[in-house]
Amino acid sequence: MSIGVRFSALSTRLTNILPTRPARSIAHRLRWSNWRRRHHARAEQAHDARRFNLEIEP
């Protein structure tokens, strides 16, 4: 009796897509990482500013 491993549709699609896509360069990954950190910091500042303004107003 053998029970096979079932793959989800997503894992099957990713398995088919990943080998055909070119690998991203290290420079690209570092640029994206830096952009993501800056974006996260801006979003956090905006969130904090909004929360601060809501606390002050009656």
Protein backbone atom coordinates (compact mmCIF):
# COMPACT_ATOMS: atom_id res chain seq x y z
CA MET A 1 0.00 0.00 0.00
CA SER A 2 1.55 3.26 -1.11
CA ILE A 3 0.20 6.67 -0.23
CA GLY A 4 1.43 9.35 -2.58
CA VAL A 5 2.03 12.94 -1.60
CA ARG A 6 -0.61 15.26 -3.01
CA PHE A 7 0.53 18.63 -4.26
CA SER A 8 -1.66 21.70 -4.26
CA ALA A 9 -2.39 23.56 -7.46
CA LEU A 10 -0.11 26.40 -6.31
CA SER A 11 2.86 24.15 -5.57
CA THR A 12 2.42 22.42 -8.93
CA ARG A 13 2.28 25.78 -10.74
CA LEU A 14 5.35 27.05 -8.89
CA THR A 15 7.24 23.87 -9.67
CA ASN A 16 6.50 24.39 -13.36
CA ILE A 17 7.29 28.12 -13.38
CA LEU A 18 10.40 28.41 -11.22
CA PRO A 19 12.87 26.51 -13.41
CA THR A 20 11.97 28.58 -16.48
CA ARG A 21 12.32 32.00 -14.87
CA PRO A 22 15.78 33.59 -14.86
CA ALA A 23 17.44 33.94 -11.49
CA ARG A 24 17.45 37.48 -10.11
CA SER A 25 20.81 39.08 -9.65
CA ILE A 26 22.15 39.84 -6.20
CA ALA A 27 22.13 43.55 -7.07
CA HIS A 28 18.41 43.34 -7.89
CA ARG A 29 17.67 41.60 -4.60
CA LEU A 30 19.61 44.21 -2.64
CA ARG A 31 17.82 47.07 -4.43
CA TRP A 32 14.44 45.47 -3.74
CA SER A 33 15.36 44.85 -0.10
CA ASN A 34 16.43 48.47 0.37
CA TRP A 35 13.27 49.73 -1.34
CA ARG A 36 11.14 47.49 0.86
CA ARG A 37 12.82 48.75 4.05
CA ARG A 38 12.36 52.39 3.02
CA HIS A 39 8.73 51.76 2.10
CA HIS A 40 8.10 50.03 5.42
CA ALA A 41 9.70 52.93 7.34
CA ARG A 42 7.57 55.51 5.48
CA ALA A 43 4.42 53.50 6.11
CA GLU A 44 5.26 53.16 9.80
CA GLN A 45 5.89 56.93 10.11
CA ALA A 46 2.58 57.70 8.41
CA HIS A 47 0.78 55.22 10.65
CA ASP A 48 2.34 56.70 13.78
CA ALA A 49 1.54 60.27 12.69
CA ARG A 50 -2.08 59.36 12.02
CA ARG A 51 -2.40 57.58 15.36
CA PHE A 52 -0.82 60.55 17.15
CA ASN A 53 -3.24 62.97 15.44
CA LEU A 54 -6.22 60.81 16.38
CA GLU A 55 -5.12 60.72 20.04
CA ILE A 56 -4.86 64.54 20.24
CA GLU A 57 -8.24 65.32 18.67
CA PRO A 58 -11.23 65.07 21.03
